[in-house]
PDB file of N, CA and C in Angstrom:
ATOM      1  N   UNK A   1       0.837  -1.192   0.000  1.00  0.00           N
ATOM      2  CA  UNK A   1       0.000   0.000   0.000  1.00  0.00           C
ATOM      3  C   UNK A   1       0.873   1.243   0.000  1.00  0.00           C
ATOM      4  N   UNK A   2       0.375   2.291  -0.581  1.00  0.00           N
ATOM      5  CA  UNK A   2       0.973   3.620  -0.531  1.00  0.00           C
ATOM      6  C   UNK A   2      -0.030   4.516   0.177  1.00  0.00           C
ATOM      7  N   UNK A   3       0.440   5.266   1.164  1.00  0.00           N
ATOM      8  CA  UNK A   3      -0.468   6.078   1.974  1.00  0.00           C
ATOM      9  C   UNK A   3      -0.062   7.552   1.915  1.00  0.00           C
ATOM     10  N   UNK A   4      -0.877   8.385   2.551  1.00  0.00           N
ATOM     11  CA  UNK A   4      -0.633   9.824   2.563  1.00  0.00           C
ATOM     12  C   UNK A   4      -0.870  10.349   3.977  1.00  0.00           C
ATOM     13  N   UNK A   5       0.007  11.230   4.439  1.00  0.00           N
ATOM     14  CA  UNK A   5      -0.172  11.823   5.764  1.00  0.00           C
ATOM     15  C   UNK A   5      -1.303  12.845   5.704  1.00  0.00           C
ATOM     16  N   UNK A   6      -1.817  13.209   6.859  1.00  0.00           N
ATOM     17  CA  UNK A   6      -2.905  14.181   6.919  1.00  0.00           C
ATOM     18  C   UNK A   6      -2.478  15.531   6.343  1.00  0.00           C
ATOM     19  N   UNK A   7      -1.277  15.977   6.678  1.00  0.00           N
ATOM     20  CA  UNK A   7      -0.805  17.265   6.168  1.00  0.00           C
ATOM     21  C   UNK A   7      -0.630  17.241   4.651  1.00  0.00           C
ATOM     22  N   UNK A   8      -0.106  16.150   4.111  1.00  0.00           N
ATOM     23  CA  UNK A   8       0.036  16.033   2.652  1.00  0.00           C
ATOM     24  C   UNK A   8      -1.333  15.993   1.981  1.00  0.00           C
ATOM     25  N   UNK A   9      -2.294  15.336   2.616  1.00  0.00           N
ATOM     26  CA  UNK A   9      -3.655  15.278   2.079  1.00  0.00           C
ATOM     27  C   UNK A   9      -4.239  16.680   1.947  1.00  0.00           C
ATOM     28  N   UNK A  10      -4.111  17.485   2.988  1.00  0.00           N
ATOM     29  CA  UNK A  10      -4.643  18.853   2.973  1.00  0.00           C
ATOM     30  C   UNK A  10      -4.019  19.655   1.838  1.00  0.00           C
ATOM     31  N   UNK A  11      -2.703  19.550   1.672  1.00  0.00           N
ATOM     32  CA  UNK A  11      -2.018  20.304   0.616  1.00  0.00           C
ATOM     33  C   UNK A  11      -2.382  19.781  -0.774  1.00  0.00           C
ATOM     34  N   UNK A  12      -2.513  18.477  -0.919  1.00  0.00           N
ATOM     35  CA  UNK A  12      -2.902  17.904  -2.214  1.00  0.00           C
ATOM     36  C   UNK A  12      -4.304  18.357  -2.597  1.00  0.00           C
ATOM     37  N   UNK A  13      -5.229  18.321  -1.651  1.00  0.00           N
ATOM     38  CA  UNK A  13      -6.593  18.758  -1.936  1.00  0.00           C
ATOM     39  C   UNK A  13      -6.634  20.242  -2.306  1.00  0.00           C
ATOM     40  N   UNK A  14      -5.822  21.054  -1.643  1.00  0.00           N
ATOM     41  CA  UNK A  14      -5.769  22.487  -1.964  1.00  0.00           C
ATOM     42  C   UNK A  14      -5.207  22.700  -3.369  1.00  0.00           C
ATOM     43  N   UNK A  15      -4.166  21.980  -3.718  1.00  0.00           N
ATOM     44  CA  UNK A  15      -3.595  22.094  -5.065  1.00  0.00           C
ATOM     45  C   UNK A  15      -4.606  21.671  -6.125  1.00  0.00           C
ATOM     46  N   UNK A  16      -5.362  20.614  -5.840  1.00  0.00           N
ATOM     47  CA  UNK A  16      -6.384  20.171  -6.795  1.00  0.00           C
ATOM     48  C   UNK A  16      -7.441  21.246  -7.002  1.00  0.00           C
ATOM     49  N   UNK A  17      -7.829  21.922  -5.916  1.00  0.00           N
ATOM     50  CA  UNK A  17      -8.790  23.021  -6.043  1.00  0.00           C
ATOM     51  C   UNK A  17      -8.180  24.183  -6.820  1.00  0.00           C
ATOM     52  N   UNK A  18      -6.936  24.534  -6.473  1.00  0.00           N
ATOM     53  CA  UNK A  18      -6.261  25.651  -7.143  1.00  0.00           C
ATOM     54  C   UNK A  18      -6.123  25.407  -8.644  1.00  0.00           C
ATOM     55  N   UNK A  19      -5.850  24.163  -9.010  1.00  0.00           N
ATOM     56  CA  UNK A  19      -5.672  23.811 -10.422  1.00  0.00           C
ATOM     57  C   UNK A  19      -6.992  23.430 -11.093  1.00  0.00           C
ATOM     58  N   UNK A  20      -8.081  23.522 -10.348  1.00  0.00           N
ATOM     59  CA  UNK A  20      -9.416  23.212 -10.846  1.00  0.00           C
ATOM     60  C   UNK A  20      -9.465  21.834 -11.511  1.00  0.00           C
ATOM     61  N   UNK A  21      -8.910  20.850 -10.797  1.00  0.00           N
ATOM     62  CA  UNK A  21      -8.921  19.477 -11.293  1.00  0.00           C
ATOM     63  C   UNK A  21     -10.356  18.952 -11.305  1.00  0.00           C
ATOM     64  N   UNK A  22     -10.738  18.230 -12.342  1.00  0.00           N
ATOM     65  CA  UNK A  22     -12.101  17.693 -12.416  1.00  0.00           C
ATOM     66  C   UNK A  22     -12.323  16.570 -11.396  1.00  0.00           C
ATOM     67  N   UNK A  23     -13.586  16.270 -11.125  1.00  0.00           N
ATOM     68  CA  UNK A  23     -13.918  15.139 -10.254  1.00  0.00           C
ATOM     69  C   UNK A  23     -13.253  13.890 -10.815  1.00  0.00           C
ATOM     70  N   UNK A  24     -12.841  13.011  -9.941  1.00  0.00           N
ATOM     71  CA  UNK A  24     -12.190  11.780 -10.367  1.00  0.00           C
ATOM     72  C   UNK A  24     -10.678  11.894 -10.484  1.00  0.00           C
ATOM     73  N   UNK A  25     -10.136  13.078 -10.201  1.00  0.00           N
ATOM     74  CA  UNK A  25      -8.686  13.269 -10.249  1.00  0.00           C
ATOM     75  C   UNK A  25      -8.049  12.539  -9.075  1.00  0.00           C
ATOM     76  N   UNK A  26      -6.924  11.916  -9.333  1.00  0.00           N
ATOM     77  CA  UNK A  26      -6.192  11.207  -8.283  1.00  0.00           C
ATOM     78  C   UNK A  26      -4.718  11.585  -8.352  1.00  0.00           C
ATOM     79  N   UNK A  27      -3.988  11.178  -7.337  1.00  0.00           N
ATOM     80  CA  UNK A  27      -2.543  11.385  -7.318  1.00  0.00           C
ATOM     81  C   UNK A  27      -1.887  10.170  -7.952  1.00  0.00           C
ATOM     82  N   UNK A  28      -1.015  10.416  -8.915  1.00  0.00           N
ATOM     83  CA  UNK A  28      -0.220   9.346  -9.520  1.00  0.00           C
ATOM     84  C   UNK A  28       1.214   9.505  -9.027  1.00  0.00           C
ATOM     85  N   UNK A  29       1.746   8.448  -8.422  1.00  0.00           N
ATOM     86  CA  UNK A  29       3.129   8.436  -7.973  1.00  0.00           C
ATOM     87  C   UNK A  29       3.893   7.404  -8.789  1.00  0.00           C
ATOM     88  N   UNK A  30       5.190   7.599  -8.901  1.00  0.00           N
ATOM     89  CA  UNK A  30       5.996   6.666  -9.666  1.00  0.00           C
ATOM     90  C   UNK A  30       7.469   6.890  -9.438  1.00  0.00           C
ATOM     91  N   UNK A  31       8.251   6.061 -10.115  1.00  0.00           N
ATOM     92  CA  UNK A  31       9.703   6.096 -10.025  1.00  0.00           C
ATOM     93  C   UNK A  31      10.256   6.060 -11.445  1.00  0.00           C
ATOM     94  N   UNK A  32      11.313   6.824 -11.679  1.00  0.00           N
ATOM     95  CA  UNK A  32      11.996   6.778 -12.968  1.00  0.00           C
ATOM     96  C   UNK A  32      13.500   6.853 -12.727  1.00  0.00           C
ATOM     97  N   UNK A  33      14.260   6.389 -13.685  1.00  0.00           N
ATOM     98  CA  UNK A  33      15.706   6.466 -13.573  1.00  0.00           C
ATOM     99  C   UNK A  33      16.172   7.900 -13.609  1.00  0.00           C
ATOM    100  N   UNK A  34      17.186   8.212 -12.801  1.00  0.00           N
ATOM    101  CA  UNK A  34      17.739   9.562 -12.792  1.00  0.00           C
ATOM    102  C   UNK A  34      17.949  10.069 -11.389  1.00  0.00           C
ATOM    103  N   UNK A  35      18.367  11.275 -11.288  1.00  0.00           N
ATOM    104  CA  UNK A  35      18.653  11.868  -9.985  1.00  0.00           C
ATOM    105  C   UNK A  35      20.038  11.482  -9.511  1.00  0.00           C
ATOM    106  N   UNK A  36      20.507  12.125  -8.482  1.00  0.00           N
ATOM    107  CA  UNK A  36      21.875  11.882  -8.018  1.00  0.00           C
ATOM    108  C   UNK A  36      22.042  10.554  -7.303  1.00  0.00           C
ATOM    109  N   UNK A  37      20.949   9.890  -6.922  1.00  0.00           N
ATOM    110  CA  UNK A  37      21.061   8.581  -6.262  1.00  0.00           C
ATOM    111  C   UNK A  37      20.640   7.431  -7.165  1.00  0.00           C
ATOM    112  N   UNK A  38      20.232   7.720  -8.391  1.00  0.00           N
ATOM    113  CA  UNK A  38      19.917   6.659  -9.345  1.00  0.00           C
ATOM    114  C   UNK A  38      18.462   6.538  -9.730  1.00  0.00           C
ATOM    115  N   UNK A  39      17.548   6.775  -8.796  1.00  0.00           N
ATOM    116  CA  UNK A  39      16.114   6.713  -9.063  1.00  0.00           C
ATOM    117  C   UNK A  39      15.466   7.976  -8.525  1.00  0.00           C
ATOM    118  N   UNK A  40      14.505   8.508  -9.249  1.00  0.00           N
ATOM    119  CA  UNK A  40      13.828   9.708  -8.757  1.00  0.00           C
ATOM    120  C   UNK A  40      12.320   9.479  -8.708  1.00  0.00           C
ATOM    121  N   UNK A  41      11.679  10.232  -7.841  1.00  0.00           N
ATOM    122  CA  UNK A  41      10.238  10.125  -7.625  1.00  0.00           C
ATOM    123  C   UNK A  41       9.476  10.999  -8.612  1.00  0.00           C
ATOM    124  N   UNK A  42       8.279  10.557  -8.958  1.00  0.00           N
ATOM    125  CA  UNK A  42       7.364  11.349  -9.784  1.00  0.00           C
ATOM    126  C   UNK A  42       6.059  11.496  -9.013  1.00  0.00           C
ATOM    127  N   UNK A  43       5.432  12.640  -9.119  1.00  0.00           N
ATOM    128  CA  UNK A  43       4.142  12.887  -8.493  1.00  0.00           C
ATOM    129  C   UNK A  43       3.366  13.836  -9.388  1.00  0.00           C
ATOM    130  N   UNK A  44       2.190  13.408  -9.843  1.00  0.00           N
ATOM    131  CA  UNK A  44       1.348  14.232 -10.699  1.00  0.00           C
ATOM    132  C   UNK A  44      -0.111  14.006 -10.339  1.00  0.00           C
ATOM    133  N   UNK A  45      -0.973  14.865 -10.854  1.00  0.00           N
ATOM    134  CA  UNK A  45      -2.411  14.625 -10.806  1.00  0.00           C
ATOM    135  C   UNK A  45      -2.796  13.992 -12.127  1.00  0.00           C
ATOM    136  N   UNK A  46      -3.741  13.061 -12.090  1.00  0.00           N
ATOM    137  CA  UNK A  46      -4.139  12.332 -13.290  1.00  0.00           C
ATOM    138  C   UNK A  46      -5.620  11.982 -13.171  1.00  0.00           C
ATOM    139  N   UNK A  47      -6.227  11.668 -14.300  1.00  0.00           N
ATOM    140  CA  UNK A  47      -7.623  11.224 -14.325  1.00  0.00           C
ATOM    141  C   UNK A  47      -7.785   9.911 -15.091  1.00  0.00           C
ATOM    142  N   UNK A  48      -6.701   9.393 -15.673  1.00  0.00           N
ATOM    143  CA  UNK A  48      -6.792   8.228 -16.537  1.00  0.00           C
ATOM    144  C   UNK A  48      -5.994   7.066 -15.965  1.00  0.00           C
ATOM    145  N   UNK A  49      -6.657   5.933 -15.780  1.00  0.00           N
ATOM    146  CA  UNK A  49      -5.984   4.716 -15.324  1.00  0.00           C
ATOM    147  C   UNK A  49      -5.331   4.015 -16.511  1.00  0.00           C
ATOM    148  N   UNK A  50      -4.176   3.420 -16.272  1.00  0.00           N
ATOM    149  CA  UNK A  50      -3.457   2.650 -17.278  1.00  0.00           C
ATOM    150  C   UNK A  50      -3.516   1.171 -16.920  1.00  0.00           C
ATOM    151  N   UNK A  51      -3.323   0.304 -17.906  1.00  0.00           N
ATOM    152  CA  UNK A  51      -3.280  -1.136 -17.637  1.00  0.00           C
ATOM    153  C   UNK A  51      -2.197  -1.435 -16.614  1.00  0.00           C
ATOM    154  N   UNK A  52      -2.526  -2.238 -15.631  1.00  0.00           N
ATOM    155  CA  UNK A  52      -1.557  -2.641 -14.620  1.00  0.00           C
ATOM    156  C   UNK A  52      -1.408  -1.684 -13.458  1.00  0.00           C
ATOM    157  N   UNK A  53      -2.129  -0.568 -13.463  1.00  0.00           N
ATOM    158  CA  UNK A  53      -2.028   0.372 -12.347  1.00  0.00           C
ATOM    159  C   UNK A  53      -2.458  -0.280 -11.041  1.00  0.00           C
ATOM    160  N   UNK A  54      -1.746   0.035  -9.988  1.00  0.00           N
ATOM    161  CA  UNK A  54      -2.105  -0.360  -8.635  1.00  0.00           C
ATOM    162  C   UNK A  54      -2.858   0.820  -8.033  1.00  0.00           C
ATOM    163  N   UNK A  55      -4.024   0.563  -7.430  1.00  0.00           N
ATOM    164  CA  UNK A  55      -4.855   1.637  -6.891  1.00  0.00           C
ATOM    165  C   UNK A  55      -5.012   1.484  -5.383  1.00  0.00           C
ATOM    166  N   UNK A  56      -4.931   2.598  -4.689  1.00  0.00           N
ATOM    167  CA  UNK A  56      -5.086   2.623  -3.235  1.00  0.00           C
ATOM    168  C   UNK A  56      -5.961   3.807  -2.874  1.00  0.00           C
ATOM    169  N   UNK A  57      -6.595   3.726  -1.731  1.00  0.00           N
ATOM    170  CA  UNK A  57      -7.329   4.867  -1.214  1.00  0.00           C
ATOM    171  C   UNK A  57      -6.952   5.040   0.244  1.00  0.00           C
ATOM    172  N   UNK A  58      -6.545   6.250   0.595  1.00  0.00           N
ATOM    173  CA  UNK A  58      -6.176   6.562   1.969  1.00  0.00           C
ATOM    174  C   UNK A  58      -6.758   7.924   2.314  1.00  0.00           C
ATOM    175  N   UNK A  59      -7.467   7.975   3.418  1.00  0.00           N
ATOM    176  CA  UNK A  59      -8.090   9.217   3.899  1.00  0.00           C
ATOM    177  C   UNK A  59      -9.003   9.828   2.840  1.00  0.00           C
ATOM    178  N   UNK A  60      -9.618   8.984   2.026  1.00  0.00           N
ATOM    179  CA  UNK A  60     -10.557   9.442   1.015  1.00  0.00           C
ATOM    180  C   UNK A  60      -9.912   9.888  -0.286  1.00  0.00           C
ATOM    181  N   UNK A  61      -8.592   9.805  -0.401  1.00  0.00           N
ATOM    182  CA  UNK A  61      -7.885  10.210  -1.617  1.00  0.00           C
ATOM    183  C   UNK A  61      -7.370   8.979  -2.356  1.00  0.00           C
ATOM    184  N   UNK A  62      -7.615   8.953  -3.647  1.00  0.00           N
ATOM    185  CA  UNK A  62      -7.150   7.850  -4.476  1.00  0.00           C
ATOM    186  C   UNK A  62      -5.700   8.106  -4.894  1.00  0.00           C
ATOM    187  N   UNK A  63      -4.869   7.076  -4.711  1.00  0.00           N
ATOM    188  CA  UNK A  63      -3.457   7.122  -5.087  1.00  0.00           C
ATOM    189  C   UNK A  63      -3.216   5.979  -6.060  1.00  0.00           C
ATOM    190  N   UNK A  64      -2.578   6.273  -7.190  1.00  0.00           N
ATOM    191  CA  UNK A  64      -2.363   5.286  -8.238  1.00  0.00           C
ATOM    192  C   UNK A  64      -0.876   5.218  -8.563  1.00  0.00           C
ATOM    193  N   UNK A  65      -0.418   4.004  -8.853  1.00  0.00           N
ATOM    194  CA  UNK A  65       0.982   3.772  -9.143  1.00  0.00           C
ATOM    195  C   UNK A  65       1.092   2.680 -10.201  1.00  0.00           C
ATOM    196  N   UNK A  66       1.992   2.843 -11.160  1.00  0.00           N
ATOM    197  CA  UNK A  66       2.181   1.771 -12.137  1.00  0.00           C
ATOM    198  C   UNK A  66       2.834   0.564 -11.447  1.00  0.00           C
ATOM    199  N   UNK A  67       2.668  -0.598 -12.036  1.00  0.00           N
ATOM    200  CA  UNK A  67       3.109  -1.853 -11.409  1.00  0.00           C
ATOM    201  C   UNK A  67       4.605  -1.864 -11.129  1.00  0.00           C
ATOM    202  N   UNK A  68       5.419  -1.406 -12.068  1.00  0.00           N
ATOM    203  CA  UNK A  68       6.871  -1.428 -11.879  1.00  0.00           C
ATOM    204  C   UNK A  68       7.304  -0.504 -10.743  1.00  0.00           C
ATOM    205  N   UNK A  69       6.756   0.704 -10.709  1.00  0.00           N
ATOM    206  CA  UNK A  69       7.105   1.651  -9.642  1.00  0.00           C
ATOM    207  C   UNK A  69       6.669   1.144  -8.280  1.00  0.00           C
ATOM    208  N   UNK A  70       5.547   0.420  -8.243  1.00  0.00           N
ATOM    209  CA  UNK A  70       5.039  -0.071  -6.967  1.00  0.00           C
ATOM    210  C   UNK A  70       6.063  -0.957  -6.257  1.00  0.00           C
ATOM    211  N   UNK A  71       6.857  -1.702  -7.024  1.00  0.00           N
ATOM    212  CA  UNK A  71       7.880  -2.557  -6.419  1.00  0.00           C
ATOM    213  C   UNK A  71       8.879  -1.742  -5.600  1.00  0.00           C
ATOM    214  N   UNK A  72       9.117  -0.503  -6.007  1.00  0.00           N
ATOM    215  CA  UNK A  72      10.027   0.388  -5.286  1.00  0.00           C
ATOM    216  C   UNK A  72       9.330   1.179  -4.188  1.00  0.00           C
ATOM    217  N   UNK A  73       8.010   1.339  -4.300  1.00  0.00           N
ATOM    218  CA  UNK A  73       7.287   2.259  -3.408  1.00  0.00           C
ATOM    219  C   UNK A  73       6.392   1.574  -2.378  1.00  0.00           C
ATOM    220  N   UNK A  74       6.311   0.252  -2.381  1.00  0.00           N
ATOM    221  CA  UNK A  74       5.431  -0.438  -1.441  1.00  0.00           C
ATOM    222  C   UNK A  74       5.757  -0.003  -0.002  1.00  0.00           C
ATOM    223  N   UNK A  75       4.745   0.389   0.738  1.00  0.00           N
ATOM    224  CA  UNK A  75       4.921   0.832   2.117  1.00  0.00           C
ATOM    225  C   UNK A  75       5.260   2.304   2.268  1.00  0.00           C
ATOM    226  N   UNK A  76       5.358   3.040   1.175  1.00  0.00           N
ATOM    227  CA  UNK A  76       5.729   4.460   1.209  1.00  0.00           C
ATOM    228  C   UNK A  76       4.564   5.319   1.695  1.00  0.00           C
ATOM    229  N   UNK A  77       4.897   6.336   2.472  1.00  0.00           N
ATOM    230  CA  UNK A  77       3.908   7.341   2.863  1.00  0.00           C
ATOM    231  C   UNK A  77       4.302   8.669   2.222  1.00  0.00           C
ATOM    232  N   UNK A  78       3.349   9.279   1.542  1.00  0.00           N
ATOM    233  CA  UNK A  78       3.549  10.603   0.970  1.00  0.00           C
ATOM    234  C   UNK A  78       3.316  11.614   2.087  1.00  0.00           C
ATOM    235  N   UNK A  79       4.325  12.445   2.345  1.00  0.00           N
ATOM    236  CA  UNK A  79       4.248  13.433   3.410  1.00  0.00           C
ATOM    237  C   UNK A  79       4.454  14.824   2.825  1.00  0.00           C
ATOM    238  N   UNK A  80       4.224  15.831   3.649  1.00  0.00           N
ATOM    239  CA  UNK A  80       4.437  17.219   3.225  1.00  0.00           C
ATOM    240  C   UNK A  80       5.374  17.885   4.206  1.00  0.00           C
ATOM    241  N   UNK A  81       6.391  18.555   3.679  1.00  0.00           N
ATOM    242  CA  UNK A  81       7.353  19.251   4.516  1.00  0.00           C
ATOM    243  C   UNK A  81       7.287  20.740   4.233  1.00  0.00           C
ATOM    244  N   UNK A  82       7.135  21.515   5.258  1.00  0.00           N
ATOM    245  CA  UNK A  82       7.118  22.963   5.098  1.00  0.00           C
ATOM    246  C   UNK A  82       8.252  23.612   5.844  1.00  0.00           C
ATOM    247  N   UNK A  83       9.324  22.859   6.081  1.00  0.00           N
ATOM    248  CA  UNK A  83      10.437  23.350   6.879  1.00  0.00           C
ATOM    249  C   UNK A  83      11.362  24.290   6.140  1.00  0.00           C
ATOM    250  N   UNK A  84      12.429  24.660   6.794  1.00  0.00           N
ATOM    251  CA  UNK A  84      13.401  25.600   6.244  1.00  0.00           C
ATOM    252  C   UNK A  84      14.150  25.033   5.049  1.00  0.00           C
ATOM    253  N   UNK A  85      14.261  23.708   4.957  1.00  0.00           N
ATOM    254  CA  UNK A  85      15.008  23.089   3.865  1.00  0.00           C
ATOM    255  C   UNK A  85      14.200  22.979   2.587  1.00  0.00           C
ATOM    256  N   UNK A  86      13.047  23.521   2.577  1.00  0.00           N
ATOM    257  CA  UNK A  86      12.228  23.445   1.380  1.00  0.00           C
ATOM    258  C   UNK A  86      10.800  23.126   1.735  1.00  0.00           C
ATOM    259  N   UNK A  87       9.957  23.281   0.764  1.00  0.00           N
ATOM    260  CA  UNK A  87       8.543  23.100   0.982  1.00  0.00           C
ATOM    261  C   UNK A  87       8.021  22.212  -0.121  1.00  0.00           C
ATOM    262  N   UNK A  88       7.318  21.174   0.242  1.00  0.00           N
ATOM    263  CA  UNK A  88       6.749  20.321  -0.784  1.00  0.00           C
ATOM    264  C   UNK A  88       6.496  18.915  -0.307  1.00  0.00           C
ATOM    265  N   UNK A  89       6.123  18.084  -1.240  1.00  0.00           N
ATOM    266  CA  UNK A  89       5.801  16.700  -0.950  1.00  0.00           C
ATOM    267  C   UNK A  89       7.080  15.884  -0.832  1.00  0.00           C
ATOM    268  N   UNK A  90       7.071  14.949   0.114  1.00  0.00           N
ATOM    269  CA  UNK A  90       8.229  14.111   0.413  1.00  0.00           C
ATOM    270  C   UNK A  90       7.770  12.666   0.447  1.00  0.00           C
ATOM    271  N   UNK A  91       8.557  11.778  -0.138  1.00  0.00           N
ATOM    272  CA  UNK A  91       8.277  10.351  -0.103  1.00  0.00           C
ATOM    273  C   UNK A  91       9.030   9.740   1.069  1.00  0.00           C
ATOM    274  N   UNK A  92       8.300   9.206   2.053  1.00  0.00           N
ATOM    275  CA  UNK A  92       8.917   8.482   3.161  1.00  0.00           C
ATOM    276  C   UNK A  92       8.907   7.012   2.756  1.00  0.00           C
ATOM    277  N   UNK A  93      10.007   6.581   2.128  1.00  0.00           N
ATOM    278  CA  UNK A  93      10.095   5.268   1.502  1.00  0.00           C
ATOM    279  C   UNK A  93      10.943   4.326   2.354  1.00  0.00           C
ATOM    280  N   UNK A  94      10.329   3.302   2.975  1.00  0.00           N
ATOM    281  CA  UNK A  94      11.095   2.378   3.808  1.00  0.00           C
ATOM    282  C   UNK A  94      12.029   1.470   3.004  1.00  0.00           C
ATOM    283  N   UNK A  95      11.875   1.426   1.691  1.00  0.00           N
ATOM    284  CA  UNK A  95      12.704   0.570   0.850  1.00  0.00           C
ATOM    285  C   UNK A  95      13.997   1.241   0.413  1.00  0.00           C
ATOM    286  N   UNK A  96      14.089   2.547   0.559  1.00  0.00           N
ATOM    287  CA  UNK A  96      15.277   3.283   0.112  1.00  0.00           C
ATOM    288  C   UNK A  96      16.424   3.059   1.083  1.00  0.00           C
ATOM    289  N   UNK A  97      17.558   2.604   0.558  1.00  0.00           N
ATOM    290  CA  UNK A  97      18.733   2.412   1.411  1.00  0.00           C
ATOM    291  C   UNK A  97      19.583   3.678   1.472  1.00  0.00           C
ATOM    292  N   UNK A  98      19.393   4.552   0.476  1.00  0.00           N
ATOM    293  CA  UNK A  98      20.155   5.800   0.426  1.00  0.00           C
ATOM    294  C   UNK A  98      19.313   6.843  -0.294  1.00  0.00           C
ATOM    295  N   UNK A  99      19.302   8.053   0.220  1.00  0.00           N
ATOM    296  CA  UNK A  99      18.601   9.156  -0.449  1.00  0.00           C
ATOM    297  C   UNK A  99      19.564  10.313  -0.617  1.00  0.00           C
ATOM    298  N   UNK A 100      19.291  11.151  -1.590  1.00  0.00           N
ATOM    299  CA  UNK A 100      20.139  12.319  -1.791  1.00  0.00           C
ATOM    300  C   UNK A 100      19.741  13.400  -0.784  1.00  0.00           C
ATOM    301  N   UNK A 101      20.535  14.431  -0.711  1.00  0.00           N
ATOM    302  CA  UNK A 101      20.282  15.506   0.243  1.00  0.00           C
ATOM    303  C   UNK A 101      18.978  16.236   0.015  1.00  0.00           C
ATOM    304  N   UNK A 102      18.546  16.334  -1.238  1.00  0.00           N
ATOM    305  CA  UNK A 102      17.307  17.059  -1.530  1.00  0.00           C
ATOM    306  C   UNK A 102      16.083  16.177  -1.330  1.00  0.00           C
ATOM    307  N   UNK A 103      16.260  14.863  -1.224  1.00  0.00           N
ATOM    308  CA  UNK A 103      15.134  13.957  -1.005  1.00  0.00           C
ATOM    309  C   UNK A 103      14.356  13.605  -2.250  1.00  0.00           C
ATOM    310  N   UNK A 104      14.840  14.021  -3.416  1.00  0.00           N
ATOM    311  CA  UNK A 104      14.121  13.760  -4.652  1.00  0.00           C
ATOM    312  C   UNK A 104      14.569  12.503  -5.360  1.00  0.00           C
ATOM    313  N   UNK A 105      15.668  11.897  -4.903  1.00  0.00           N
ATOM    314  CA  UNK A 105      16.093  10.647  -5.523  1.00  0.00           C
ATOM    315  C   UNK A 105      16.571   9.688  -4.443  1.00  0.00           C
ATOM    316  N   UNK A 106      16.682   8.417  -4.830  1.00  0.00           N
ATOM    317  CA  UNK A 106      17.026   7.377  -3.872  1.00  0.00           C
ATOM    318  C   UNK A 106      17.645   6.200  -4.603  1.00  0.00           C
ATOM    319  N   UNK A 107      18.162   5.258  -3.830  1.00  0.00           N
ATOM    320  CA  UNK A 107      18.630   3.984  -4.378  1.00  0.00           C
ATOM    321  C   UNK A 107      18.235   2.883  -3.401  1.00  0.00           C
ATOM    322  N   UNK A 108      18.261   1.670  -3.901  1.00  0.00           N
ATOM    323  CA  UNK A 108      17.894   0.515  -3.074  1.00  0.00           C
ATOM    324  C   UNK A 108      19.125  -0.247  -2.667  1.00  0.00           C
TER     325      UNK A 108
END
Protein backbone atom coordinates (compact mmCIF):
# COMPACT_ATOMS: atom_id res chain seq x y z
CA UNK A 1 0.00 0.00 0.00
CA UNK A 2 0.97 3.62 -0.53
CA UNK A 3 -0.47 6.08 1.97
CA UNK A 4 -0.63 9.82 2.56
CA UNK A 5 -0.17 11.82 5.76
CA UNK A 6 -2.91 14.18 6.92
CA UNK A 7 -0.80 17.27 6.17
CA UNK A 8 0.04 16.03 2.65
CA UNK A 9 -3.65 15.28 2.08
CA UNK A 10 -4.64 18.85 2.97
CA UNK A 11 -2.02 20.30 0.62
CA UNK A 12 -2.90 17.90 -2.21
CA UNK A 13 -6.59 18.76 -1.94
CA UNK A 14 -5.77 22.49 -1.96
CA UNK A 15 -3.60 22.09 -5.06
CA UNK A 16 -6.38 20.17 -6.80
CA UNK A 17 -8.79 23.02 -6.04
CA UNK A 18 -6.26 25.65 -7.14
CA UNK A 19 -5.67 23.81 -10.42
CA UNK A 20 -9.42 23.21 -10.85
CA UNK A 21 -8.92 19.48 -11.29
CA UNK A 22 -12.10 17.69 -12.42
CA UNK A 23 -13.92 15.14 -10.25
CA UNK A 24 -12.19 11.78 -10.37
CA UNK A 25 -8.69 13.27 -10.25
CA UNK A 26 -6.19 11.21 -8.28
CA UNK A 27 -2.54 11.38 -7.32
CA UNK A 28 -0.22 9.35 -9.52
CA UNK A 29 3.13 8.44 -7.97
CA UNK A 30 6.00 6.67 -9.67
CA UNK A 31 9.70 6.10 -10.03
CA UNK A 32 12.00 6.78 -12.97
CA UNK A 33 15.71 6.47 -13.57
CA UNK A 34 17.74 9.56 -12.79
CA UNK A 35 18.65 11.87 -9.99
CA UNK A 36 21.88 11.88 -8.02
CA UNK A 37 21.06 8.58 -6.26
CA UNK A 38 19.92 6.66 -9.35
CA UNK A 39 16.11 6.71 -9.06
CA UNK A 40 13.83 9.71 -8.76
CA UNK A 41 10.24 10.13 -7.63
CA UNK A 42 7.36 11.35 -9.78
CA UNK A 43 4.14 12.89 -8.49
CA UNK A 44 1.35 14.23 -10.70
CA UNK A 45 -2.41 14.63 -10.81
CA UNK A 46 -4.14 12.33 -13.29
CA UNK A 47 -7.62 11.22 -14.32
CA UNK A 48 -6.79 8.23 -16.54
CA UNK A 49 -5.98 4.72 -15.32
CA UNK A 50 -3.46 2.65 -17.28
CA UNK A 51 -3.28 -1.14 -17.64
CA UNK A 52 -1.56 -2.64 -14.62
CA UNK A 53 -2.03 0.37 -12.35
CA UNK A 54 -2.11 -0.36 -8.64
CA UNK A 55 -4.86 1.64 -6.89
CA UNK A 56 -5.09 2.62 -3.23
CA UNK A 57 -7.33 4.87 -1.21
CA UNK A 58 -6.18 6.56 1.97
CA UNK A 59 -8.09 9.22 3.90
CA UNK A 60 -10.56 9.44 1.02
CA UNK A 61 -7.89 10.21 -1.62
CA UNK A 62 -7.15 7.85 -4.48
CA UNK A 63 -3.46 7.12 -5.09
CA UNK A 64 -2.36 5.29 -8.24
CA UNK A 65 0.98 3.77 -9.14
CA UNK A 66 2.18 1.77 -12.14
CA UNK A 67 3.11 -1.85 -11.41
CA UNK A 68 6.87 -1.43 -11.88
CA UNK A 69 7.10 1.65 -9.64
CA UNK A 70 5.04 -0.07 -6.97
CA UNK A 71 7.88 -2.56 -6.42
CA UNK A 72 10.03 0.39 -5.29
CA UNK A 73 7.29 2.26 -3.41
CA UNK A 74 5.43 -0.44 -1.44
CA UNK A 75 4.92 0.83 2.12
CA UNK A 76 5.73 4.46 1.21
CA UNK A 77 3.91 7.34 2.86
CA UNK A 78 3.55 10.60 0.97
CA UNK A 79 4.25 13.43 3.41
CA UNK A 80 4.44 17.22 3.22
CA UNK A 81 7.35 19.25 4.52
CA UNK A 82 7.12 22.96 5.10
CA UNK A 83 10.44 23.35 6.88
CA UNK A 84 13.40 25.60 6.24
CA UNK A 85 15.01 23.09 3.87
CA UNK A 86 12.23 23.45 1.38
CA UNK A 87 8.54 23.10 0.98
CA UNK A 88 6.75 20.32 -0.78
CA UNK A 89 5.80 16.70 -0.95
CA UNK A 90 8.23 14.11 0.41
CA UNK A 91 8.28 10.35 -0.10
CA UNK A 92 8.92 8.48 3.16
CA UNK A 93 10.09 5.27 1.50
CA UNK A 94 11.09 2.38 3.81
CA UNK A 95 12.70 0.57 0.85
CA UNK A 96 15.28 3.28 0.11
CA UNK A 97 18.73 2.41 1.41
CA UNK A 98 20.15 5.80 0.43
CA UNK A 99 18.60 9.16 -0.45
CA UNK A 100 20.14 12.32 -1.79
CA UNK A 101 20.28 15.51 0.24
CA UNK A 102 17.31 17.06 -1.53
CA UNK A 103 15.13 13.96 -1.00
CA UNK A 104 14.12 13.76 -4.65
CA UNK A 105 16.09 10.65 -5.52
CA UNK A 106 17.03 7.38 -3.87
CA UNK A 107 18.63 3.98 -4.38
CA UNK A 108 17.89 0.51 -3.07
